[in-house]
Amino acid sequence: MKQDFTNSSGNLALPSLNVERPPIVNPVGKEDIKLPISIGIKRRERIEPKKKTETTIVCPVTGLVGKMEGWEIPLEMTFKHPLSDWHNAIKLSLLPLSLFSVHPSVIAGAILSLGNVCSLFEDRLSSAERNLCLSEVHSKDCLAECLTSLRQVIESKADKRILEERLPKFSFSQVRTGVVSFVEWIKEIVELLSNG
């Protein structure tokens, strides 16, 4: 007798085998893991998130101060502010006075950047101390005028070594004692270049 293994739709169908299999009580590799009490896993203490920390960073040219969040480093860190490039300081000095909506320390930083090109400053003060001297003593308008005058001095000679050799140096330590005025020094170097 020939058996037909096709179903009503004409597809091949295998006969169903109704064979009962005994249940597996404890399959291999699936046993419960039992640890002795002395080797038990210690739970870690909950780690609280640390408070936000900040590190102060200072530009060595402009004296502008920034903050780095998320870091607490016990070192004095420096960074290069965009105004430490004297070309950017010149761009800032070309803005009309009405657009100077920046903090006086930013203008002071641009002045320090331009003076750094020709090594016009001589003292042992840090750039941050120099910036503080300028921004605390002079108004924003006065600093903007000094920046414009210093830009004209810097742009007057292509070779900056000539300016470094011919112009008198300025010491910020003398500003603290009141011996020399920064504004008077700017006027003096502008006159030297216009006469010579």
C-alpha atoms as a PDB file:
ATOM      1  CA  MET A   1       0.000   0.000   0.000  1.00  0.00           C
ATOM      2  CA  LYS A   2       1.274   3.367  -0.997  1.00  0.00           C
ATOM      3  CA  GLN A   3       1.027   6.266   1.459  1.00  0.00           C
ATOM      4  CA  ASP A   4       0.230   9.759   0.228  1.00  0.00           C
ATOM      5  CA  PHE A   5       2.313  12.491   1.915  1.00  0.00           C
ATOM      6  CA  THR A   6       0.561  15.470   0.337  1.00  0.00           C
ATOM      7  CA  ASN A   7      -1.992  17.627   2.048  1.00  0.00           C
ATOM      8  CA  SER A   8      -5.177  19.067   0.587  1.00  0.00           C
ATOM      9  CA  SER A   9      -3.332  21.926  -1.114  1.00  0.00           C
ATOM     10  CA  GLY A  10      -0.969  19.555  -2.872  1.00  0.00           C
ATOM     11  CA  ASN A  11       2.125  20.394  -0.830  1.00  0.00           C
ATOM     12  CA  LEU A  12       4.368  17.772   0.621  1.00  0.00           C
ATOM     13  CA  ALA A  13       3.442  17.085   4.226  1.00  0.00           C
ATOM     14  CA  LEU A  14       5.066  14.775   6.727  1.00  0.00           C
ATOM     15  CA  PRO A  15       2.913  12.666   8.981  1.00  0.00           C
ATOM     16  CA  SER A  16       2.813  13.939  12.548  1.00  0.00           C
ATOM     17  CA  LEU A  17       4.381  11.775  15.144  1.00  0.00           C
ATOM     18  CA  ASN A  18       2.785  12.092  18.519  1.00  0.00           C
ATOM     19  CA  VAL A  19       5.612  10.846  20.645  1.00  0.00           C
ATOM     20  CA  GLU A  20       5.798  12.044  24.228  1.00  0.00           C
ATOM     21  CA  ARG A  21       9.224  12.853  25.575  1.00  0.00           C
ATOM     22  CA  PRO A  22      10.026  12.734  29.270  1.00  0.00           C
ATOM     23  CA  PRO A  23      10.706  16.194  30.841  1.00  0.00           C
ATOM     24  CA  ILE A  24      14.355  17.084  31.532  1.00  0.00           C
ATOM     25  CA  VAL A  25      14.749  17.547  35.245  1.00  0.00           C
ATOM     26  CA  ASN A  26      18.223  19.079  35.464  1.00  0.00           C
ATOM     27  CA  PRO A  27      19.873  19.674  32.092  1.00  0.00           C
ATOM     28  CA  VAL A  28      23.638  19.589  31.857  1.00  0.00           C
ATOM     29  CA  GLY A  29      25.209  23.005  32.559  1.00  0.00           C
ATOM     30  CA  LYS A  30      22.007  24.502  33.904  1.00  0.00           C
ATOM     31  CA  GLU A  31      22.525  23.704  37.593  1.00  0.00           C
ATOM     32  CA  ASP A  32      22.030  26.418  40.169  1.00  0.00           C
ATOM     33  CA  ILE A  33      25.289  28.033  41.298  1.00  0.00           C
ATOM     34  CA  LYS A  34      25.824  27.859  45.013  1.00  0.00           C
ATOM     35  CA  LEU A  35      28.519  29.984  46.645  1.00  0.00           C
ATOM     36  CA  PRO A  36      29.837  29.441  50.115  1.00  0.00           C
ATOM     37  CA  ILE A  37      29.044  32.312  52.472  1.00  0.00           C
ATOM     38  CA  SER A  38      32.737  33.204  52.866  1.00  0.00           C
ATOM     39  CA  ILE A  39      33.087  33.905  49.121  1.00  0.00           C
ATOM     40  CA  GLY A  40      29.913  35.935  48.785  1.00  0.00           C
ATOM     41  CA  ILE A  41      29.932  38.970  46.478  1.00  0.00           C
ATOM     42  CA  LYS A  42      30.378  42.262  48.281  1.00  0.00           C
ATOM     43  CA  ARG A  43      28.153  45.045  47.132  1.00  0.00           C
ATOM     44  CA  ARG A  44      29.915  48.259  46.156  1.00  0.00           C
ATOM     45  CA  GLU A  45      29.000  51.391  47.973  1.00  0.00           C
ATOM     46  CA  ARG A  46      26.993  53.827  45.925  1.00  0.00           C
ATOM     47  CA  ILE A  47      29.275  56.344  44.301  1.00  0.00           C
ATOM     48  CA  GLU A  48      27.941  59.861  44.537  1.00  0.00           C
ATOM     49  CA  PRO A  49      28.591  62.082  41.526  1.00  0.00           C
ATOM     50  CA  LYS A  50      31.361  64.573  42.207  1.00  0.00           C
ATOM     51  CA  LYS A  51      30.590  68.243  42.386  1.00  0.00           C
ATOM     52  CA  LYS A  52      31.303  70.274  39.292  1.00  0.00           C
ATOM     53  CA  THR A  53      34.851  71.443  39.376  1.00  0.00           C
ATOM     54  CA  GLU A  54      36.609  74.201  37.503  1.00  0.00           C
ATOM     55  CA  THR A  55      40.225  74.939  36.758  1.00  0.00           C
ATOM     56  CA  THR A  56      41.340  78.485  36.043  1.00  0.00           C
ATOM     57  CA  ILE A  57      43.418  78.905  32.896  1.00  0.00           C
ATOM     58  CA  VAL A  58      45.338  82.040  31.872  1.00  0.00           C
ATOM     59  CA  CYS A  59      46.582  83.236  28.485  1.00  0.00           C
ATOM     60  CA  PRO A  60      50.310  84.066  28.829  1.00  0.00           C
ATOM     61  CA  VAL A  61      50.092  86.878  26.240  1.00  0.00           C
ATOM     62  CA  THR A  62      46.781  88.650  26.880  1.00  0.00           C
ATOM     63  CA  GLY A  63      46.326  87.845  30.563  1.00  0.00           C
ATOM     64  CA  LEU A  64      42.713  86.871  29.911  1.00  0.00           C
ATOM     65  CA  VAL A  65      41.397  84.259  32.306  1.00  0.00           C
ATOM     66  CA  GLY A  66      39.156  81.340  31.408  1.00  0.00           C
ATOM     67  CA  LYS A  67      37.629  78.370  33.197  1.00  0.00           C
ATOM     68  CA  MET A  68      37.769  74.715  32.263  1.00  0.00           C
ATOM     69  CA  GLU A  69      34.744  72.873  33.662  1.00  0.00           C
ATOM     70  CA  GLY A  70      34.863  69.307  34.825  1.00  0.00           C
ATOM     71  CA  TRP A  71      38.560  69.345  35.581  1.00  0.00           C
ATOM     72  CA  GLU A  72      40.286  69.964  38.850  1.00  0.00           C
ATOM     73  CA  ILE A  73      43.987  70.036  38.154  1.00  0.00           C
ATOM     74  CA  PRO A  74      46.422  71.289  40.784  1.00  0.00           C
ATOM     75  CA  LEU A  75      48.611  72.917  38.122  1.00  0.00           C
ATOM     76  CA  GLU A  76      48.682  76.367  36.652  1.00  0.00           C
ATOM     77  CA  MET A  77      47.272  75.866  33.171  1.00  0.00           C
ATOM     78  CA  THR A  78      47.688  78.205  30.201  1.00  0.00           C
ATOM     79  CA  PHE A  79      45.767  78.507  26.964  1.00  0.00           C
ATOM     80  CA  LYS A  80      46.147  80.497  23.783  1.00  0.00           C
ATOM     81  CA  HIS A  81      43.416  83.104  23.567  1.00  0.00           C
ATOM     82  CA  PRO A  82      42.490  84.163  19.998  1.00  0.00           C
ATOM     83  CA  LEU A  83      43.553  87.732  20.811  1.00  0.00           C
ATOM     84  CA  SER A  84      47.094  86.532  21.535  1.00  0.00           C
ATOM     85  CA  ASP A  85      47.497  86.498  17.741  1.00  0.00           C
ATOM     86  CA  TRP A  86      48.239  90.163  17.049  1.00  0.00           C
ATOM     87  CA  HIS A  87      46.341  90.038  13.740  1.00  0.00           C
ATOM     88  CA  ASN A  88      43.145  89.391  15.690  1.00  0.00           C
ATOM     89  CA  ALA A  89      43.999  92.224  18.077  1.00  0.00           C
ATOM     90  CA  ILE A  90      44.334  94.543  15.066  1.00  0.00           C
ATOM     91  CA  LYS A  91      40.907  93.415  13.807  1.00  0.00           C
ATOM     92  CA  LEU A  92      39.421  94.290  17.202  1.00  0.00           C
ATOM     93  CA  SER A  93      41.080  97.710  17.109  1.00  0.00           C
ATOM     94  CA  LEU A  94      39.472  98.455  13.725  1.00  0.00           C
ATOM     95  CA  LEU A  95      35.977  98.259  15.170  1.00  0.00           C
ATOM     96  CA  PRO A  96      34.245 101.594  15.759  1.00  0.00           C
ATOM     97  CA  LEU A  97      34.160 102.706  19.374  1.00  0.00           C
ATOM     98  CA  SER A  98      30.365 102.278  19.454  1.00  0.00           C
ATOM     99  CA  LEU A  99      30.802  98.521  18.814  1.00  0.00           C
ATOM    100  CA  PHE A 100      33.154  98.009  21.739  1.00  0.00           C
ATOM    101  CA  SER A 101      30.662  96.112  23.870  1.00  0.00           C
ATOM    102  CA  VAL A 102      33.408  93.959  25.390  1.00  0.00           C
ATOM    103  CA  HIS A 103      34.799  93.971  28.900  1.00  0.00           C
ATOM    104  CA  PRO A 104      37.775  96.323  29.476  1.00  0.00           C
ATOM    105  CA  SER A 105      40.000  93.309  30.208  1.00  0.00           C
ATOM    106  CA  VAL A 106      39.471  92.096  26.620  1.00  0.00           C
ATOM    107  CA  ILE A 107      40.652  95.448  25.240  1.00  0.00           C
ATOM    108  CA  ALA A 108      43.574  95.363  27.662  1.00  0.00           C
ATOM    109  CA  GLY A 109      44.382  91.853  26.384  1.00  0.00           C
ATOM    110  CA  ALA A 110      44.450  93.150  22.799  1.00  0.00           C
ATOM    111  CA  ILE A 111      46.822  95.962  23.884  1.00  0.00           C
ATOM    112  CA  LEU A 112      49.118  93.411  25.523  1.00  0.00           C
ATOM    113  CA  SER A 113      49.041  91.296  22.367  1.00  0.00           C
ATOM    114  CA  LEU A 114      50.089  94.218  20.169  1.00  0.00           C
ATOM    115  CA  GLY A 115      52.797  95.284  22.617  1.00  0.00           C
ATOM    116  CA  ASN A 116      54.092  91.729  22.724  1.00  0.00           C
ATOM    117  CA  VAL A 117      54.775  91.793  18.962  1.00  0.00           C
ATOM    118  CA  CYS A 118      57.537  94.363  19.415  1.00  0.00           C
ATOM    119  CA  SER A 119      58.518  93.457  22.991  1.00  0.00           C
ATOM    120  CA  LEU A 120      57.380  96.859  24.235  1.00  0.00           C
ATOM    121  CA  PHE A 121      56.821  95.798  27.837  1.00  0.00           C
ATOM    122  CA  GLU A 122      59.572  95.214  30.358  1.00  0.00           C
ATOM    123  CA  ASP A 123      58.866  94.023  33.849  1.00  0.00           C
ATOM    124  CA  ARG A 124      58.507  90.784  35.695  1.00  0.00           C
ATOM    125  CA  LEU A 125      54.741  90.922  36.067  1.00  0.00           C
ATOM    126  CA  SER A 126      52.587  88.166  34.642  1.00  0.00           C
ATOM    127  CA  SER A 127      50.244  88.893  31.775  1.00  0.00           C
ATOM    128  CA  ALA A 128      47.268  88.586  34.148  1.00  0.00           C
ATOM    129  CA  GLU A 129      48.774  91.264  36.421  1.00  0.00           C
ATOM    130  CA  ARG A 130      49.459  93.528  33.444  1.00  0.00           C
ATOM    131  CA  ASN A 131      45.896  93.081  32.222  1.00  0.00           C
ATOM    132  CA  LEU A 132      44.584  93.902  35.682  1.00  0.00           C
ATOM    133  CA  CYS A 133      46.717  97.072  35.813  1.00  0.00           C
ATOM    134  CA  LEU A 134      45.232  98.320  32.557  1.00  0.00           C
ATOM    135  CA  SER A 135      41.610  97.275  33.037  1.00  0.00           C
ATOM    136  CA  GLU A 136      41.317  98.555  36.612  1.00  0.00           C
ATOM    137  CA  VAL A 137      43.041 101.909  36.094  1.00  0.00           C
ATOM    138  CA  HIS A 138      41.618 102.979  32.715  1.00  0.00           C
ATOM    139  CA  SER A 139      38.086 103.200  31.353  1.00  0.00           C
ATOM    140  CA  LYS A 140      36.920 101.153  28.396  1.00  0.00           C
ATOM    141  CA  ASP A 141      36.887 104.221  26.126  1.00  0.00           C
ATOM    142  CA  CYS A 142      40.420 105.184  27.144  1.00  0.00           C
ATOM    143  CA  LEU A 143      41.649 101.629  26.517  1.00  0.00           C
ATOM    144  CA  ALA A 144      39.941 101.579  23.100  1.00  0.00           C
ATOM    145  CA  GLU A 145      41.743 104.808  22.120  1.00  0.00           C
ATOM    146  CA  CYS A 146      45.081 103.395  23.353  1.00  0.00           C
ATOM    147  CA  LEU A 147      44.454 100.222  21.334  1.00  0.00           C
ATOM    148  CA  THR A 148      43.792 102.242  18.183  1.00  0.00           C
ATOM    149  CA  SER A 149      46.945 104.340  18.722  1.00  0.00           C
ATOM    150  CA  LEU A 150      49.066 101.262  19.404  1.00  0.00           C
ATOM    151  CA  ARG A 151      47.694  99.616  16.247  1.00  0.00           C
ATOM    152  CA  GLN A 152      48.861 102.625  14.229  1.00  0.00           C
ATOM    153  CA  VAL A 153      52.314 102.307  15.799  1.00  0.00           C
ATOM    154  CA  ILE A 154      52.526  98.580  15.060  1.00  0.00           C
ATOM    155  CA  GLU A 155      51.309  98.989  11.473  1.00  0.00           C
ATOM    156  CA  SER A 156      53.761 101.844  10.768  1.00  0.00           C
ATOM    157  CA  LYS A 157      56.710  99.483  10.161  1.00  0.00           C
ATOM    158  CA  ALA A 158      56.679  96.145   8.390  1.00  0.00           C
ATOM    159  CA  ASP A 159      59.806  95.054  10.232  1.00  0.00           C
ATOM    160  CA  LYS A 160      58.779  94.907  13.883  1.00  0.00           C
ATOM    161  CA  ARG A 161      62.422  94.712  15.028  1.00  0.00           C
ATOM    162  CA  ILE A 162      62.834  98.368  14.069  1.00  0.00           C
ATOM    163  CA  LEU A 163      60.036  99.289  16.474  1.00  0.00           C
ATOM    164  CA  GLU A 164      61.540  97.065  19.150  1.00  0.00           C
ATOM    165  CA  GLU A 165      64.872  98.880  18.867  1.00  0.00           C
ATOM    166  CA  ARG A 166      63.566 102.469  18.529  1.00  0.00           C
ATOM    167  CA  LEU A 167      60.645 102.667  20.949  1.00  0.00           C
ATOM    168  CA  PRO A 168      60.987 103.068  24.701  1.00  0.00           C
ATOM    169  CA  LYS A 169      59.821 100.110  26.778  1.00  0.00           C
ATOM    170  CA  PHE A 170      56.967 100.364  29.239  1.00  0.00           C
ATOM    171  CA  SER A 171      57.023  98.913  32.745  1.00  0.00           C
ATOM    172  CA  PHE A 172      53.726  98.116  34.433  1.00  0.00           C
ATOM    173  CA  SER A 173      55.429  98.085  37.804  1.00  0.00           C
ATOM    174  CA  GLN A 174      55.902 101.860  37.380  1.00  0.00           C
ATOM    175  CA  VAL A 175      52.156 102.260  36.845  1.00  0.00           C
ATOM    176  CA  ARG A 176      51.547 100.774  40.264  1.00  0.00           C
ATOM    177  CA  THR A 177      53.808 103.358  41.881  1.00  0.00           C
ATOM    178  CA  GLY A 178      52.304 106.191  39.836  1.00  0.00           C
ATOM    179  CA  VAL A 179      55.616 107.176  38.213  1.00  0.00           C
ATOM    180  CA  VAL A 180      54.508 106.657  34.614  1.00  0.00           C
ATOM    181  CA  SER A 181      51.114 106.816  32.958  1.00  0.00           C
ATOM    182  CA  PHE A 182      50.275 104.266  30.280  1.00  0.00           C
ATOM    183  CA  VAL A 183      48.318 106.838  28.268  1.00  0.00           C
ATOM    184  CA  GLU A 184      51.295 109.250  28.349  1.00  0.00           C
ATOM    185  CA  TRP A 185      53.609 106.456  27.170  1.00  0.00           C
ATOM    186  CA  ILE A 186      51.283 105.705  24.226  1.00  0.00           C
ATOM    187  CA  LYS A 187      51.286 109.412  23.281  1.00  0.00           C
ATOM    188  CA  GLU A 188      55.093 109.457  23.531  1.00  0.00           C
ATOM    189  CA  ILE A 189      55.625 106.534  21.158  1.00  0.00           C
ATOM    190  CA  VAL A 190      53.096 107.931  18.655  1.00  0.00           C
ATOM    191  CA  GLU A 191      54.999 111.255  18.658  1.00  0.00           C
ATOM    192  CA  LEU A 192      58.349 109.472  18.222  1.00  0.00           C
ATOM    193  CA  LEU A 193      57.084 107.731  15.109  1.00  0.00           C
ATOM    194  CA  SER A 194      55.419 110.825  13.660  1.00  0.00           C
ATOM    195  CA  ASN A 195      58.588 112.940  14.139  1.00  0.00           C
ATOM    196  CA  GLY A 196      61.105 110.330  13.050  1.00  0.00           C
END
